[in-house]
Amino acid sequence: MTHSSGPALRRTLGVGDAVVIGLGSMVGAGIFAALAPAARAAGSGLLLGLALAAVVAYCNAMASARLAALYPASGGTYVYGRERLGPFWGYLAGWSFIVGKTASCAAMALTVGAYVWPEQSHAVAVAAVVALTAVNYGGVQKSALLTRVIVAAVLAVLALVVAVCLGSGDAEAAHLDIGTSGGVDGVLQAAGLLFFAFAGYARIATLGEEVRDPARTIPRAVPLALGIALAVYACVAVAVLAVLGPEGLGRATAPLADAVRAAGVPELAPVVRVGAAIAALGSLLALILGVSRTTLAMARDGHLPAPLATVHPRFQVPHHAELAVGAVVAVLAATADLRGAIGFSSFGVLTYYAIANASAWTLDPSPKARALPALGLIGCAVLAFALPGASVLTGAAVLAAGVLAYGVRARRAAA
């Protein structure tokens, strides 16, 4: 593998840590928020949308795992695209990831604020960003330990929701009948929205330079984390649907809290709110880790300012990149309402994984080996353009701006 020289990061993460970081990225605020808009889009086809999102996520995860084992460096698909397809495609993957996930970071921070102290949501959001940036600055191992605690707490809350809903006399099996009341377009749009909740499954790939024995660890950790998350999501979706039904779920403002209230246990709603805040913190922690590592990789190659490639001599983390990402996210969290940016974030992340699948397609020329990445590539494209029109237009415009910047830089370098 070829890449610009730079100080290496410390390899401290094992399979358990890798799975936890993946779960921290997935089992986060997405499951607390994405079910309602997905139900509005798909109606009785919600579970079909969840299954479709899972299939695309599985294809992407396997492509990422294969590539991460071969190229165990920070940057994820930025590195894979560069090595397998060429510098431009690597740059486009990195640009898609950084822009889309920076918006996701701000959205997660604002979600924390909305659940903890709605009247001061922006202030709480900024405080959350500052605190988690400080945790990341202290080293990725500390981040993994904190993520382990967060994941355990969130899984406990979700298990409580499932038990209360399925044990309620208000749960109705008829609510689980699978249909297509939202139409095919609605199912595809729901899958694109639910993909937001899966999008952290390969987060460990962006931390490949900090994983012990990456050729063995990453291919085991990525599908394991995805499988656990899918099982959790399916249980939660079935439980909430059984109580609220597709229409009730589509109207819900806080789906899981509304479900426990409808199940006759309103006193658990505050617990669910706390769980949502903790989940958002876990997602934010993992997102800042991933964005800062991709920033490091792009800075090493000259696509971003060189100081962002600096690694702290004591903590062995890209501290300049982490501080820069934290500062940008804090500004966005203080000044913007990014709830509507979830669609844009999904568009950017689907573009990112489309490039990952295209990169994996080049690894083995046999039709059997290429079938899964081809399916993943097609799935990413379909889900991306099935998203709401505003998200598609905004995403395409931002990606075009990145392409223009790359072209200007390349022309200056050639001059």
Protein backbone atom coordinates (compact mmCIF):
# COMPACT_ATOMS: atom_id res chain seq x y z
CA MET A 1 0.00 0.00 0.00
CA THR A 2 1.22 3.47 -0.83
CA HIS A 3 0.47 6.52 1.24
CA SER A 4 2.16 9.66 2.38
CA SER A 5 4.57 9.20 5.22
CA GLY A 6 3.52 10.28 8.66
CA PRO A 7 3.74 9.17 12.28
CA ALA A 8 1.89 5.95 13.00
CA LEU A 9 -0.91 5.52 15.50
CA ARG A 10 -0.80 3.02 18.35
CA ARG A 11 -2.47 -0.39 17.80
CA THR A 12 -4.51 -1.01 20.96
CA LEU A 13 -7.95 -2.24 19.82
CA GLY A 14 -8.92 -5.92 19.86
CA VAL A 15 -12.04 -7.68 18.54
CA GLY A 16 -14.14 -6.78 21.57
CA ASP A 17 -13.21 -3.11 21.41
CA ALA A 18 -13.84 -3.07 17.65
CA VAL A 19 -17.32 -4.59 18.06
CA VAL A 20 -18.17 -2.11 20.81
CA ILE A 21 -17.10 0.88 18.71
CA GLY A 22 -19.19 -0.43 15.82
CA LEU A 23 -22.20 -0.90 18.11
CA GLY A 24 -21.67 2.53 19.63
CA SER A 25 -21.91 3.98 16.15
CA MET A 26 -25.04 2.01 15.21
CA VAL A 27 -27.11 1.46 18.34
CA GLY A 28 -27.37 5.16 18.90
CA ALA A 29 -29.88 7.92 18.38
CA GLY A 30 -30.90 6.55 14.97
CA ILE A 31 -33.12 3.82 16.42
CA PHE A 32 -34.78 6.38 18.71
CA ALA A 33 -35.53 8.79 15.88
CA ALA A 34 -35.49 7.04 12.48
CA LEU A 35 -38.44 4.69 12.99
CA ALA A 36 -41.11 7.40 12.83
CA PRO A 37 -40.13 9.04 9.51
CA ALA A 38 -39.50 5.60 8.03
CA ALA A 39 -42.99 4.48 9.09
CA ARG A 40 -44.50 7.63 7.57
CA ALA A 41 -42.82 6.79 4.28
CA ALA A 42 -43.38 3.01 4.15
CA GLY A 43 -46.54 2.45 6.23
CA SER A 44 -47.06 -1.31 6.55
CA GLY A 45 -43.86 -1.82 4.55
CA LEU A 46 -41.63 -0.59 7.41
CA LEU A 47 -40.18 -4.02 8.15
CA LEU A 48 -39.49 -4.50 4.43
CA GLY A 49 -37.58 -1.21 4.48
CA LEU A 50 -35.60 -2.37 7.51
CA ALA A 51 -34.75 -5.65 5.77
CA LEU A 52 -33.65 -3.84 2.60
CA ALA A 53 -31.47 -1.43 4.59
CA ALA A 54 -29.91 -4.42 6.35
CA VAL A 55 -29.12 -6.18 3.05
CA VAL A 56 -27.37 -3.09 1.68
CA ALA A 57 -25.58 -2.62 5.00
CA TYR A 58 -24.38 -6.25 4.94
CA CYS A 59 -22.97 -5.87 1.42
CA ASN A 60 -21.21 -2.68 2.45
CA ALA A 61 -19.90 -4.21 5.67
CA MET A 62 -18.36 -7.21 3.94
CA ALA A 63 -16.75 -4.98 1.30
CA SER A 64 -15.35 -2.72 4.03
CA ALA A 65 -14.10 -5.67 6.08
CA ARG A 66 -12.22 -7.19 3.13
CA LEU A 67 -10.64 -3.88 2.23
CA ALA A 68 -9.77 -2.92 5.81
CA ALA A 69 -7.93 -6.21 6.31
CA LEU A 70 -5.86 -5.48 3.18
CA TYR A 71 -5.33 -1.76 3.91
CA PRO A 72 -5.23 -1.38 7.73
CA ALA A 73 -4.65 2.38 7.77
CA SER A 74 -6.69 5.29 9.08
CA GLY A 75 -9.17 6.68 6.58
CA GLY A 76 -11.44 3.77 5.62
CA THR A 77 -12.87 4.09 2.10
CA TYR A 78 -10.74 7.17 1.46
CA VAL A 79 -7.76 4.80 1.48
CA TYR A 80 -9.54 1.98 -0.37
CA GLY A 81 -10.79 4.22 -3.16
CA ARG A 82 -7.36 5.77 -3.58
CA GLU A 83 -5.57 2.42 -3.72
CA ARG A 84 -8.07 0.51 -5.86
CA LEU A 85 -9.71 3.15 -8.08
CA GLY A 86 -7.36 6.14 -8.09
CA PRO A 87 -6.73 9.36 -6.15
CA PHE A 88 -9.91 11.13 -7.28
CA TRP A 89 -12.24 8.38 -6.04
CA GLY A 90 -10.40 8.20 -2.74
CA TYR A 91 -10.76 11.95 -2.37
CA LEU A 92 -14.48 11.82 -3.21
CA ALA A 93 -15.03 9.10 -0.61
CA GLY A 94 -13.17 11.10 2.03
CA TRP A 95 -15.03 14.29 1.15
CA SER A 96 -18.39 12.50 1.32
CA PHE A 97 -17.53 10.99 4.67
CA ILE A 98 -16.20 14.13 6.33
CA VAL A 99 -19.01 16.42 5.20
CA GLY A 100 -21.82 13.94 5.81
CA LYS A 101 -20.54 12.73 9.16
CA THR A 102 -19.72 16.22 10.41
CA ALA A 103 -23.40 17.03 9.89
CA SER A 104 -24.28 13.81 11.70
CA CYS A 105 -22.06 14.81 14.63
CA ALA A 106 -23.93 18.08 15.00
CA ALA A 107 -27.28 16.30 14.71
CA MET A 108 -26.31 13.85 17.44
CA ALA A 109 -25.14 16.68 19.68
CA LEU A 110 -28.43 18.53 19.17
CA THR A 111 -30.30 15.31 19.94
CA VAL A 112 -28.52 15.15 23.30
CA GLY A 113 -29.57 18.73 24.01
CA ALA A 114 -33.17 18.12 22.97
CA TYR A 115 -33.54 15.17 25.34
CA VAL A 116 -31.52 16.53 28.29
CA TRP A 117 -32.64 20.18 28.37
CA PRO A 118 -34.85 21.21 25.45
CA GLU A 119 -34.89 24.89 26.40
CA GLN A 120 -31.06 25.03 26.24
CA SER A 121 -30.47 22.39 23.61
CA HIS A 122 -27.75 24.30 21.76
CA ALA A 123 -25.73 24.97 24.92
CA VAL A 124 -25.97 21.33 26.00
CA ALA A 125 -24.99 20.23 22.48
CA VAL A 126 -21.84 22.34 22.52
CA ALA A 127 -20.93 21.06 25.99
CA ALA A 128 -21.33 17.47 24.78
CA VAL A 129 -19.04 18.10 21.80
CA VAL A 130 -16.36 19.69 23.98
CA ALA A 131 -16.49 16.89 26.55
CA LEU A 132 -16.28 14.06 24.02
CA THR A 133 -13.53 15.78 22.04
CA ALA A 134 -11.54 15.89 25.29
CA VAL A 135 -12.15 12.16 25.81
CA ASN A 136 -10.93 11.38 22.29
CA TYR A 137 -7.89 13.60 22.83
CA GLY A 138 -6.83 11.33 25.70
CA GLY A 139 -6.54 8.29 23.47
CA VAL A 140 -8.67 5.84 21.52
CA GLN A 141 -8.50 3.19 24.25
CA LYS A 142 -10.26 5.54 26.69
CA SER A 143 -12.85 6.23 24.00
CA ALA A 144 -13.44 2.49 23.57
CA LEU A 145 -13.91 2.03 27.32
CA LEU A 146 -16.46 4.84 27.51
CA THR A 147 -18.25 3.48 24.44
CA ARG A 148 -18.52 0.08 26.14
CA VAL A 149 -20.36 1.66 29.09
CA ILE A 150 -22.67 3.64 26.80
CA VAL A 151 -23.54 0.61 24.65
CA ALA A 152 -24.41 -1.44 27.73
CA ALA A 153 -26.73 1.27 29.04
CA VAL A 154 -28.49 1.77 25.70
CA LEU A 155 -28.99 -1.96 25.14
CA ALA A 156 -30.52 -2.21 28.61
CA VAL A 157 -33.00 0.58 27.81
CA LEU A 158 -33.91 -0.97 24.45
CA ALA A 159 -34.41 -4.37 26.08
CA LEU A 160 -36.76 -2.73 28.60
CA VAL A 161 -38.76 -1.12 25.79
CA VAL A 162 -39.10 -4.44 23.96
CA ALA A 163 -40.17 -6.29 27.11
CA VAL A 164 -42.76 -3.66 28.09
CA CYS A 165 -44.26 -3.39 24.61
CA LEU A 166 -44.45 -7.10 23.81
CA GLY A 167 -45.78 -7.85 27.30
CA SER A 168 -48.52 -5.26 27.01
CA GLY A 169 -52.15 -6.12 26.43
CA ASP A 170 -52.19 -3.34 23.81
CA ALA A 171 -49.78 -5.21 21.52
CA GLU A 172 -51.61 -6.47 18.42
CA ALA A 173 -50.23 -9.05 16.00
CA ALA A 174 -52.29 -7.47 13.19
CA HIS A 175 -50.06 -4.40 13.38
CA LEU A 176 -47.19 -6.56 12.14
CA ASP A 177 -48.86 -7.57 8.89
CA ILE A 178 -46.39 -6.69 6.12
CA GLY A 179 -47.75 -4.80 3.13
CA THR A 180 -46.86 -1.94 0.83
CA SER A 181 -49.33 0.75 1.87
CA GLY A 182 -46.61 3.34 1.29
CA GLY A 183 -45.81 1.99 -2.16
CA VAL A 184 -42.49 0.79 -3.51
CA ASP A 185 -41.12 4.34 -3.39
CA GLY A 186 -42.09 4.59 0.26
CA VAL A 187 -40.32 1.33 1.12
CA LEU A 188 -37.14 2.49 -0.66
CA GLN A 189 -37.24 5.88 1.07
CA ALA A 190 -37.74 4.17 4.43
CA ALA A 191 -34.75 1.95 3.71
CA GLY A 192 -32.64 5.01 2.93
CA LEU A 193 -33.72 6.69 6.18
CA LEU A 194 -33.18 3.55 8.24
CA PHE A 195 -29.74 3.15 6.67
CA PHE A 196 -28.79 6.18 8.79
CA ALA A 197 -29.17 3.93 11.84
CA PHE A 198 -26.86 1.27 10.30
CA ALA A 199 -24.23 3.61 8.94
CA GLY A 200 -21.70 3.12 11.75
CA TYR A 201 -21.13 -0.61 11.23
CA ALA A 202 -17.79 -0.15 9.53
CA ARG A 203 -16.57 2.66 11.79
CA ILE A 204 -13.78 0.37 12.93
CA ALA A 205 -12.44 0.39 9.36
CA THR A 206 -11.62 4.09 9.72
CA LEU A 207 -9.60 3.14 12.83
CA GLY A 208 -7.69 0.39 11.01
CA GLU A 209 -4.32 1.82 12.00
CA GLU A 210 -5.20 1.42 15.70
CA VAL A 211 -6.38 -2.22 15.53
CA ARG A 212 -4.27 -5.16 16.67
CA ASP A 213 -3.85 -7.84 13.98
CA PRO A 214 -6.21 -6.03 11.56
CA ALA A 215 -6.26 -8.85 8.97
CA ARG A 216 -7.95 -11.05 11.58
CA THR A 217 -9.72 -8.53 13.81
CA ILE A 218 -11.59 -6.38 11.29
CA PRO A 219 -13.26 -9.14 9.20
CA ARG A 220 -14.54 -10.67 12.45
CA ALA A 221 -15.63 -7.46 14.17
CA VAL A 222 -17.54 -5.74 11.35
CA PRO A 223 -20.13 -8.46 10.53
CA LEU A 224 -20.46 -9.34 14.23
CA ALA A 225 -21.31 -5.74 15.15
CA LEU A 226 -23.73 -5.50 12.22
CA GLY A 227 -25.48 -8.74 13.17
CA ILE A 228 -26.00 -7.65 16.77
CA ALA A 229 -27.33 -4.26 15.70
CA LEU A 230 -29.74 -5.81 13.19
CA ALA A 231 -31.12 -8.17 15.84
CA VAL A 232 -31.63 -5.25 18.22
CA TYR A 233 -33.31 -3.09 15.56
CA ALA A 234 -35.64 -5.89 14.47
CA CYS A 235 -36.76 -6.55 18.04
CA VAL A 236 -37.35 -2.86 18.73
CA ALA A 237 -39.21 -2.27 15.45
CA VAL A 238 -41.49 -5.27 16.00
CA ALA A 239 -42.21 -4.29 19.61
CA VAL A 240 -43.01 -0.65 18.82
CA LEU A 241 -45.08 -1.56 15.76
CA ALA A 242 -47.09 -4.08 17.76
CA VAL A 243 -48.21 -1.33 20.17
CA LEU A 244 -48.50 1.75 17.94
CA GLY A 245 -49.16 0.27 14.51
CA PRO A 246 -47.70 1.80 11.32
CA GLU A 247 -49.92 4.90 11.41
CA GLY A 248 -49.38 5.57 15.11
CA LEU A 249 -45.64 5.08 14.76
CA GLY A 250 -45.57 7.44 11.79
CA ARG A 251 -47.26 10.16 13.88
CA ALA A 252 -45.00 9.69 16.92
CA THR A 253 -42.59 12.47 17.89
CA ALA A 254 -40.58 10.27 20.28
CA PRO A 255 -41.43 6.73 19.06
CA LEU A 256 -39.96 4.63 21.85
CA ALA A 257 -41.17 6.91 24.64
CA ASP A 258 -44.62 7.06 23.02
CA ALA A 259 -44.65 3.27 22.76
CA VAL A 260 -44.03 2.66 26.47
CA ARG A 261 -46.72 5.23 27.31
CA ALA A 262 -49.16 3.49 24.96
CA ALA A 263 -48.22 0.18 26.58
CA GLY A 264 -49.51 1.51 29.90
CA VAL A 265 -46.17 2.26 31.60
CA PRO A 266 -45.79 6.06 31.26
CA GLU A 267 -43.35 6.24 34.17
CA LEU A 268 -40.73 4.59 31.93
CA ALA A 269 -40.84 7.41 29.37
CA PRO A 270 -38.21 9.50 31.24
CA VAL A 271 -35.93 6.44 31.33
CA VAL A 272 -36.27 6.12 27.56
CA ARG A 273 -35.45 9.83 27.17
CA VAL A 274 -32.28 9.36 29.20
CA GLY A 275 -31.43 6.30 27.11
CA ALA A 276 -31.86 8.34 23.93
CA ALA A 277 -29.50 11.01 25.24
CA ILE A 278 -26.90 8.39 26.20
CA ALA A 279 -27.28 6.75 22.80
CA ALA A 280 -26.71 10.06 21.04
CA LEU A 281 -23.58 10.60 23.14
CA GLY A 282 -22.29 7.18 22.10
CA SER A 283 -22.91 7.94 18.44
CA LEU A 284 -21.27 11.34 18.74
CA LEU A 285 -18.19 9.83 20.39
CA ALA A 286 -17.72 7.26 17.62
CA LEU A 287 -18.49 9.78 14.86
CA ILE A 288 -15.84 12.23 16.07
CA LEU A 289 -13.35 9.34 16.12
CA GLY A 290 -14.16 8.34 12.54
CA VAL A 291 -14.21 11.86 11.07
CA SER A 292 -10.93 12.83 12.72
CA ARG A 293 -9.17 9.70 11.37
CA THR A 294 -10.37 10.35 7.82
CA THR A 295 -9.27 13.97 8.21
CA LEU A 296 -5.84 12.68 9.29
CA ALA A 297 -5.56 10.45 6.21
CA MET A 298 -6.59 13.21 3.79
CA ALA A 299 -4.19 15.68 5.43
CA ARG A 300 -1.35 13.16 5.04
CA ASP A 301 -2.01 13.17 1.30
CA GLY A 302 -2.24 16.94 0.99
CA HIS A 303 -6.00 17.21 0.40
CA LEU A 304 -6.40 19.04 3.71
CA PRO A 305 -3.99 21.32 5.62
CA ALA A 306 -0.81 19.48 6.66
CA PRO A 307 -1.04 20.34 10.41
CA LEU A 308 -4.14 18.13 10.60
CA ALA A 309 -1.87 15.11 10.08
CA THR A 310 0.01 15.73 13.34
CA VAL A 311 -0.07 12.88 15.88
CA HIS A 312 0.30 13.70 19.57
CA PRO A 313 3.68 12.37 20.85
CA ARG A 314 2.20 11.15 24.16
CA PHE A 315 -1.40 10.14 23.46
CA GLN A 316 -0.72 8.87 19.91
CA VAL A 317 -3.90 10.42 18.50
CA PRO A 318 -4.38 12.93 15.62
CA HIS A 319 -4.99 15.73 18.08
CA HIS A 320 -5.05 18.60 15.58
CA ALA A 321 -7.63 16.79 13.46
CA GLU A 322 -9.72 16.00 16.54
CA LEU A 323 -9.63 19.60 17.74
CA ALA A 324 -10.52 20.92 14.28
CA VAL A 325 -13.45 18.50 13.89
CA GLY A 326 -14.65 19.28 17.41
CA ALA A 327 -14.50 23.02 16.74
CA VAL A 328 -16.50 22.78 13.50
CA VAL A 329 -19.13 20.53 15.08
CA ALA A 330 -19.41 22.82 18.10
CA VAL A 331 -20.05 25.83 15.86
CA LEU A 332 -22.72 23.94 13.91
CA ALA A 333 -24.34 22.68 17.10
CA ALA A 334 -24.43 26.21 18.51
CA THR A 335 -25.89 27.90 15.45
CA ALA A 336 -27.88 25.42 13.34
CA ASP A 337 -30.80 23.03 13.48
CA LEU A 338 -29.52 20.00 11.64
CA ARG A 339 -32.39 17.58 12.08
CA GLY A 340 -33.24 18.05 8.40
CA ALA A 341 -29.64 17.19 7.51
CA ILE A 342 -30.11 13.47 8.31
CA GLY A 343 -31.22 12.90 4.72
CA PHE A 344 -28.15 14.73 3.43
CA SER A 345 -25.95 12.72 5.77
CA SER A 346 -27.45 9.49 4.41
CA PHE A 347 -26.80 10.66 0.84
CA GLY A 348 -23.15 11.35 1.64
CA VAL A 349 -22.64 8.07 3.49
CA LEU A 350 -24.30 6.03 0.74
CA THR A 351 -21.93 7.69 -1.75
CA TYR A 352 -19.04 6.75 0.52
CA TYR A 353 -20.08 3.10 0.66
CA ALA A 354 -20.80 2.98 -3.07
CA ILE A 355 -17.11 3.75 -3.57
CA ALA A 356 -16.22 1.06 -1.00
CA ASN A 357 -18.20 -1.52 -2.98
CA ALA A 358 -16.63 -0.39 -6.25
CA SER A 359 -13.20 -0.77 -4.62
CA ALA A 360 -14.02 -4.27 -3.33
CA TRP A 361 -15.24 -5.21 -6.82
CA THR A 362 -11.64 -4.86 -8.06
CA LEU A 363 -10.17 -7.29 -5.51
CA ASP A 364 -11.16 -10.54 -7.26
CA PRO A 365 -12.21 -10.87 -10.93
CA SER A 366 -14.36 -13.97 -10.38
CA PRO A 367 -18.14 -13.43 -10.83
CA LYS A 368 -18.88 -15.05 -7.46
CA ALA A 369 -16.54 -12.71 -5.58
CA ARG A 370 -17.91 -9.67 -7.40
CA ALA A 371 -21.60 -10.46 -6.82
CA LEU A 372 -21.82 -9.02 -3.29
CA PRO A 373 -20.01 -5.71 -3.96
CA ALA A 374 -22.03 -5.28 -7.17
CA LEU A 375 -25.26 -5.73 -5.20
CA GLY A 376 -23.99 -3.27 -2.58
CA LEU A 377 -23.08 -0.68 -5.21
CA ILE A 378 -26.50 -0.89 -6.87
CA GLY A 379 -28.24 -0.82 -3.49
CA CYS A 380 -26.36 2.32 -2.39
CA ALA A 381 -27.28 4.12 -5.61
CA VAL A 382 -30.96 3.16 -5.39
CA LEU A 383 -31.32 4.15 -1.74
CA ALA A 384 -29.42 7.42 -2.23
CA PHE A 385 -31.72 8.62 -5.00
CA ALA A 386 -34.83 7.35 -3.18
CA LEU A 387 -34.20 9.86 -0.38
CA PRO A 388 -36.30 13.05 -0.24
CA GLY A 389 -35.59 15.34 -3.19
CA ALA A 390 -34.17 18.16 -1.07
CA SER A 391 -31.62 15.79 0.47
CA VAL A 392 -30.57 14.50 -2.95
CA LEU A 393 -30.17 18.01 -4.40
CA THR A 394 -28.25 19.32 -1.39
CA GLY A 395 -26.03 16.26 -1.27
CA ALA A 396 -25.27 16.43 -4.98
CA ALA A 397 -24.43 20.14 -4.71
CA VAL A 398 -22.01 19.61 -1.83
CA LEU A 399 -20.33 16.70 -3.58
CA ALA A 400 -20.01 18.84 -6.72
CA ALA A 401 -18.34 21.56 -4.65
CA GLY A 402 -15.82 19.01 -3.43
CA VAL A 403 -15.14 17.82 -6.97
CA LEU A 404 -14.59 21.42 -8.07
CA ALA A 405 -12.11 21.99 -5.24
CA TYR A 406 -10.24 18.84 -6.23
CA GLY A 407 -10.08 20.00 -9.86
CA VAL A 408 -8.74 23.44 -8.88
CA ARG A 409 -6.09 21.88 -6.65
CA ALA A 410 -5.04 19.40 -9.37
CA ARG A 411 -4.74 22.19 -11.97
CA ARG A 412 -2.60 24.28 -9.62
CA ALA A 413 -0.35 21.30 -8.89
CA ALA A 414 0.11 20.71 -12.63
CA ALA A 415 0.88 24.35 -13.38
